[in-house]
N, C-alpha and C. Protein backbone atom coordinates (compact mmCIF):
# COMPACT_ATOMS: atom_id res chain seq x y z
N MET A 1 84.97 104.86 107.49
CA MET A 1 85.85 104.21 107.03
C MET A 1 87.09 104.86 107.75
N LYS A 2 86.83 105.99 107.27
CA LYS A 2 88.41 107.06 107.87
C LYS A 2 88.28 107.23 109.15
N GLU A 3 87.47 106.99 110.43
CA GLU A 3 88.00 107.01 111.69
C GLU A 3 88.82 105.71 112.31
N LEU A 4 88.21 104.43 111.83
CA LEU A 4 89.03 103.10 112.01
C LEU A 4 90.79 103.68 111.31
N GLU A 5 91.25 104.49 109.73
CA GLU A 5 91.80 104.41 109.57
C GLU A 5 92.44 105.00 110.80
N THR A 6 92.47 105.91 111.32
CA THR A 6 93.53 107.10 112.26
C THR A 6 93.92 106.38 113.01
N ARG A 7 93.11 105.15 113.26
CA ARG A 7 93.69 104.41 114.14
C ARG A 7 94.74 103.58 114.15
N VAL A 8 95.12 103.11 112.95
CA VAL A 8 96.53 102.02 113.13
C VAL A 8 97.47 102.89 113.02
N VAL A 9 98.33 102.20 113.70
CA VAL A 9 99.63 102.59 113.67
C VAL A 9 100.91 101.52 113.40
N VAL A 10 102.24 102.12 112.51
CA VAL A 10 102.89 101.40 111.97
C VAL A 10 103.92 101.71 112.20
N ILE A 11 105.35 101.02 112.85
CA ILE A 11 106.62 101.77 114.31
C ILE A 11 107.44 100.09 113.49
N ALA A 12 108.37 100.64 112.76
CA ALA A 12 109.56 99.72 112.11
C ALA A 12 110.41 100.24 113.00
N PRO A 13 111.51 98.68 113.15
CA PRO A 13 112.12 98.74 114.86
C PRO A 13 113.31 99.64 114.37
N PRO A 14 114.27 100.19 113.61
CA PRO A 14 114.87 101.12 113.86
C PRO A 14 114.11 102.56 113.86
N ALA A 15 112.76 102.78 114.14
CA ALA A 15 112.12 103.98 114.15
C ALA A 15 111.88 103.37 116.23
N ALA A 16 111.55 102.88 116.31
CA ALA A 16 111.80 102.38 117.72
C ALA A 16 113.07 101.75 118.45
N LEU A 17 113.88 101.74 118.03
CA LEU A 17 115.58 101.65 118.34
C LEU A 17 115.61 103.21 118.88
N ALA A 18 115.43 104.22 117.31
CA ALA A 18 115.83 105.40 118.10
C ALA A 18 115.65 106.04 119.27
N LYS A 19 114.82 105.49 119.63
CA LYS A 19 113.86 105.98 120.97
C LYS A 19 115.12 106.16 122.40
N LEU A 20 115.28 105.04 121.68
CA LEU A 20 116.79 104.12 123.27
C LEU A 20 117.49 105.35 123.21
N PRO A 21 118.37 105.45 124.45
CA PRO A 21 117.87 104.64 125.29
C PRO A 21 116.66 105.84 125.76
N GLY A 22 115.55 105.38 126.79
CA GLY A 22 114.40 106.01 127.12
C GLY A 22 114.53 106.97 128.12
N PRO A 23 113.14 107.25 129.14
CA PRO A 23 113.73 108.31 130.11
C PRO A 23 114.90 107.83 131.43
N GLY A 24 115.70 109.03 131.28
CA GLY A 24 116.81 108.63 132.34
C GLY A 24 118.05 107.43 132.23
N GLY A 25 117.80 107.13 130.62
CA GLY A 25 118.91 106.76 130.40
C GLY A 25 118.03 105.06 130.30
N ALA A 26 116.77 104.80 130.82
CA ALA A 26 116.04 103.09 130.29
C ALA A 26 116.50 102.88 129.19
N ALA A 27 116.51 101.06 129.68
CA ALA A 27 116.32 100.37 128.38
C ALA A 27 115.37 100.23 127.91
N TYR A 28 114.42 100.61 128.19
CA TYR A 28 112.97 100.76 127.54
C TYR A 28 112.82 102.01 127.31
N ALA A 29 111.63 102.18 126.55
CA ALA A 29 110.85 103.38 125.89
C ALA A 29 109.49 102.83 125.79
N GLU A 30 108.85 103.81 125.88
CA GLU A 30 106.52 103.59 125.63
C GLU A 30 107.19 104.23 124.07
N LEU A 31 106.06 103.08 123.15
CA LEU A 31 105.51 103.73 121.65
C LEU A 31 104.35 104.43 121.56
N PHE A 32 103.31 103.25 122.21
CA PHE A 32 102.05 103.57 121.68
C PHE A 32 101.03 102.66 122.80
N GLY A 33 100.48 103.28 123.20
CA GLY A 33 99.05 102.26 124.09
C GLY A 33 98.13 102.93 123.31
N HIS A 34 97.15 101.82 123.65
CA HIS A 34 95.41 101.49 123.53
C HIS A 34 95.48 101.34 124.56
N GLY A 35 94.31 101.92 125.43
CA GLY A 35 92.92 100.98 126.32
C GLY A 35 94.35 100.66 127.30
N SER A 36 93.98 99.13 127.53
CA SER A 36 95.04 98.52 128.46
C SER A 36 96.42 98.20 127.57
N LEU A 37 96.43 98.11 126.72
CA LEU A 37 97.60 98.10 126.36
C LEU A 37 98.39 99.38 126.19
N SER A 38 100.29 98.42 126.79
CA SER A 38 100.78 99.51 126.35
C SER A 38 102.47 98.82 125.41
N VAL A 39 102.95 99.70 124.39
CA VAL A 39 103.70 99.00 123.33
C VAL A 39 104.85 99.47 123.84
N GLU A 40 106.24 98.50 124.37
CA GLU A 40 107.33 99.66 124.44
C GLU A 40 108.58 99.06 123.84
N VAL A 41 109.71 98.77 123.51
CA VAL A 41 110.80 98.68 123.39
C VAL A 41 111.61 97.93 124.16
N TYR A 42 112.63 97.21 123.91
CA TYR A 42 113.36 96.74 125.41
C TYR A 42 114.36 95.96 124.37
N ALA A 43 115.99 97.41 125.27
CA ALA A 43 116.83 96.55 124.34
C ALA A 43 117.88 96.81 125.77
N PRO A 44 118.01 95.63 126.89
CA PRO A 44 118.42 95.99 127.83
C PRO A 44 120.40 95.91 127.61
N ARG A 45 121.48 96.38 128.52
CA ARG A 45 122.82 96.78 127.52
C ARG A 45 123.89 96.20 129.05
N GLY A 46 124.49 94.51 128.52
CA GLY A 46 124.72 93.85 129.72
C GLY A 46 124.15 92.84 130.31
N GLU A 47 123.14 93.58 131.45
CA GLU A 47 122.57 92.76 132.47
C GLU A 47 121.28 93.33 132.51
N ASP A 48 120.08 92.35 132.57
CA ASP A 48 118.63 92.74 132.41
C ASP A 48 118.22 92.61 134.06
N LYS A 49 117.85 93.51 134.45
CA LYS A 49 117.55 93.88 135.44
C LYS A 49 116.23 93.90 136.00
N GLN A 50 115.10 93.63 135.17
CA GLN A 50 113.63 94.05 135.50
C GLN A 50 113.43 93.22 136.50
N GLU A 51 112.41 93.65 137.78
CA GLU A 51 111.93 93.05 138.01
C GLU A 51 110.13 92.66 137.67
N PRO A 52 109.53 91.56 138.63
CA PRO A 52 108.46 90.93 137.97
C PRO A 52 107.27 91.78 137.84
N HIS A 53 106.34 92.21 136.63
CA HIS A 53 105.19 92.96 136.31
C HIS A 53 104.23 92.80 136.72
N THR A 54 102.79 93.85 136.97
CA THR A 54 102.04 93.54 137.68
C THR A 54 100.79 93.50 136.67
N ARG A 55 100.94 93.06 135.36
CA ARG A 55 100.26 92.52 134.06
C ARG A 55 100.47 92.15 132.86
N ASP A 56 100.04 90.79 132.47
CA ASP A 56 100.92 90.02 131.61
C ASP A 56 101.18 91.09 130.28
N GLU A 57 102.32 89.58 129.60
CA GLU A 57 103.02 90.47 128.84
C GLU A 57 103.69 89.59 127.97
N ILE A 58 103.97 89.93 126.60
CA ILE A 58 104.42 89.58 125.51
C ILE A 58 105.62 90.03 124.79
N TYR A 59 106.87 89.49 124.48
CA TYR A 59 108.30 89.94 123.89
C TYR A 59 108.35 89.50 122.63
N VAL A 60 108.61 90.27 121.48
CA VAL A 60 108.61 89.42 120.53
C VAL A 60 110.12 89.79 120.15
N VAL A 61 110.49 89.25 119.92
CA VAL A 61 112.27 89.64 119.94
C VAL A 61 112.94 89.81 118.68
N ILE A 62 112.84 91.81 118.83
CA ILE A 62 113.57 91.64 117.01
C ILE A 62 114.65 91.64 116.61
N ALA A 63 115.93 91.39 117.37
CA ALA A 63 117.16 91.19 116.98
C ALA A 63 118.09 90.26 118.36
N GLY A 64 118.63 89.43 118.10
CA GLY A 64 119.54 88.98 119.02
C GLY A 64 118.98 87.42 119.66
N ARG A 65 120.05 87.06 120.30
CA ARG A 65 119.43 85.77 120.68
C ARG A 65 120.28 85.76 122.49
N GLY A 66 119.95 84.99 123.05
CA GLY A 66 119.81 84.67 124.12
C GLY A 66 119.25 83.24 125.24
N GLU A 67 119.38 83.51 126.69
CA GLU A 67 118.54 83.33 127.07
C GLU A 67 117.63 83.47 128.14
N PHE A 68 116.25 82.59 127.83
CA PHE A 68 115.13 83.60 128.69
C PHE A 68 114.91 82.63 129.89
N VAL A 69 114.99 83.82 131.23
CA VAL A 69 115.13 82.99 132.81
C VAL A 69 113.90 83.11 133.26
N TYR A 70 113.04 81.94 133.32
CA TYR A 70 111.84 82.26 133.90
C TYR A 70 111.31 81.40 135.38
N GLY A 71 111.43 81.50 135.98
CA GLY A 71 110.69 80.89 137.44
C GLY A 71 111.62 80.42 137.48
N GLU A 72 112.27 79.15 138.05
CA GLU A 72 113.21 77.89 137.57
C GLU A 72 113.77 77.51 136.60
N ARG A 73 113.26 78.00 135.11
CA ARG A 73 113.22 76.97 134.26
C ARG A 73 114.39 78.21 133.45
N ARG A 74 114.61 78.01 132.10
CA ARG A 74 115.80 79.01 131.48
C ARG A 74 114.90 77.82 129.57
N ALA A 75 115.21 79.11 128.46
CA ALA A 75 114.53 78.24 127.29
C ALA A 75 115.99 79.84 126.28
N PRO A 76 116.64 79.24 125.08
CA PRO A 76 116.73 80.13 123.97
C PRO A 76 116.02 80.01 123.20
N PHE A 77 116.25 82.07 123.28
CA PHE A 77 115.56 82.71 122.05
C PHE A 77 116.36 83.23 121.24
N GLY A 78 115.25 83.66 120.26
CA GLY A 78 116.13 84.53 119.03
C GLY A 78 115.40 85.11 118.17
N ALA A 79 115.69 85.46 117.32
CA ALA A 79 115.33 87.16 116.49
C ALA A 79 113.92 86.31 115.93
N GLY A 80 112.42 86.81 116.10
CA GLY A 80 111.33 86.33 115.61
C GLY A 80 110.22 85.55 116.77
N ASP A 81 111.25 84.85 117.84
CA ASP A 81 111.11 84.22 118.50
C ASP A 81 109.72 85.15 119.80
N LEU A 82 108.72 84.48 119.48
CA LEU A 82 107.18 85.10 121.18
C LEU A 82 107.63 84.73 122.25
N ILE A 83 107.93 85.16 123.38
CA ILE A 83 107.42 84.69 124.72
C ILE A 83 106.70 85.49 125.07
N PHE A 84 105.57 84.77 125.73
CA PHE A 84 104.13 85.40 126.84
C PHE A 84 104.93 84.73 128.24
N VAL A 85 104.23 86.61 129.37
CA VAL A 85 105.17 86.11 130.68
C VAL A 85 103.57 86.61 131.21
N PRO A 86 103.09 85.87 132.71
CA PRO A 86 102.53 86.21 132.68
C PRO A 86 102.53 86.90 134.52
N ALA A 87 101.53 87.67 134.49
CA ALA A 87 101.66 88.67 135.77
C ALA A 87 102.62 88.39 137.02
N HIS A 88 103.30 88.83 137.68
CA HIS A 88 104.05 88.63 138.81
C HIS A 88 105.05 87.25 138.86
N LEU A 89 105.19 86.71 137.87
CA LEU A 89 106.23 85.97 137.19
C LEU A 89 107.78 86.36 137.19
N PRO A 90 108.72 86.10 138.54
CA PRO A 90 110.30 86.52 137.57
C PRO A 90 110.36 85.68 136.21
N HIS A 91 111.33 86.81 135.73
CA HIS A 91 111.73 86.31 134.56
C HIS A 91 112.94 87.49 133.91
N ARG A 92 113.81 86.90 133.18
CA ARG A 92 115.13 87.87 132.84
C ARG A 92 115.49 87.55 131.65
N PHE A 93 116.19 88.72 131.02
CA PHE A 93 117.45 87.85 129.91
C PHE A 93 118.77 87.93 130.42
N GLU A 94 119.44 86.44 129.64
CA GLU A 94 120.34 86.50 130.64
C GLU A 94 121.60 85.96 128.39
N ASN A 95 122.52 85.74 129.30
CA ASN A 95 123.51 85.85 127.60
C ASN A 95 123.02 86.37 126.52
N PHE A 96 122.61 87.51 126.54
CA PHE A 96 122.01 87.65 125.49
C PHE A 96 123.34 88.01 124.39
N THR A 97 123.30 88.38 123.23
CA THR A 97 123.87 89.49 121.98
C THR A 97 123.82 90.59 122.52
N VAL A 98 124.94 91.26 122.41
CA VAL A 98 125.36 92.60 122.17
C VAL A 98 124.19 93.59 121.02
N ASP A 99 122.96 92.95 120.33
CA ASP A 99 121.70 93.26 119.59
C ASP A 99 120.68 93.27 119.72
N PHE A 100 120.93 92.35 121.22
CA PHE A 100 119.21 92.02 121.69
C PHE A 100 118.48 92.59 121.34
N ALA A 101 117.07 93.33 121.13
CA ALA A 101 116.28 94.32 121.39
C ALA A 101 115.45 93.49 120.64
N ALA A 102 113.76 94.24 121.74
CA ALA A 102 112.53 93.05 121.34
C ALA A 102 111.28 94.10 121.74
N TRP A 103 110.49 93.64 121.23
CA TRP A 103 108.89 94.80 121.36
C TRP A 103 108.24 93.86 122.76
N VAL A 104 107.58 95.35 123.41
CA VAL A 104 107.19 94.56 124.72
C VAL A 104 105.97 94.82 124.40
N ALA A 105 104.63 93.99 124.91
CA ALA A 105 104.31 94.08 124.69
C ALA A 105 102.60 94.15 126.80
N PHE A 106 102.18 95.03 127.23
CA PHE A 106 101.44 95.23 128.28
C PHE A 106 100.23 95.28 128.23
N TYR A 107 99.46 94.45 128.81
CA TYR A 107 98.44 94.27 128.48
C TYR A 107 96.64 93.79 129.56
N GLY A 108 95.74 93.91 129.61
CA GLY A 108 94.95 93.58 130.53
C GLY A 108 94.68 94.27 132.21
N PRO A 109 94.54 93.63 132.74
CA PRO A 109 94.21 94.32 134.39
C PRO A 109 95.60 94.18 135.37
N GLU A 110 95.61 94.97 136.17
CA GLU A 110 96.57 94.78 137.01
C GLU A 110 96.50 93.10 137.82
N GLY A 111 97.46 92.68 137.70
CA GLY A 111 97.23 90.76 138.35
C GLY A 111 97.35 90.25 137.11
N GLY A 112 96.78 90.33 135.78
CA GLY A 112 97.32 89.40 135.31
C GLY A 112 95.33 89.17 134.79
N GLU A 113 95.43 88.44 133.16
CA GLU A 113 94.32 88.02 132.66
C GLU A 113 93.93 86.41 134.27
N ARG A 114 92.69 86.36 133.73
CA ARG A 114 92.61 84.78 134.60
C ARG A 114 92.82 83.93 133.46
N PRO A 115 93.32 82.36 133.89
CA PRO A 115 93.15 81.36 132.64
C PRO A 115 91.85 81.26 132.16
């Protein structure tokens, strides 16, 4: 049981946000990795300039609200919302509040999971 317990990781939002800005002033910082899983904190300021990713990802909004743009569509989001984005789909956050921050989890193989 002890071996399993050593794999548990708890990261509170304030500790995650303290890692920002990330390397080179990036709007994200990697917090944890396990196998194919990479967990980051993401908090763009002003404009979200991200490009499509090569792996599936999940966002969980920590704070703030705005609009999530994906392909030709858009949807409102707020704190606590979960957003799944398949690999290679163009997406970005727009019209977000200054306190916007999200957990981001990348996982699975390059190219994304098969449906």
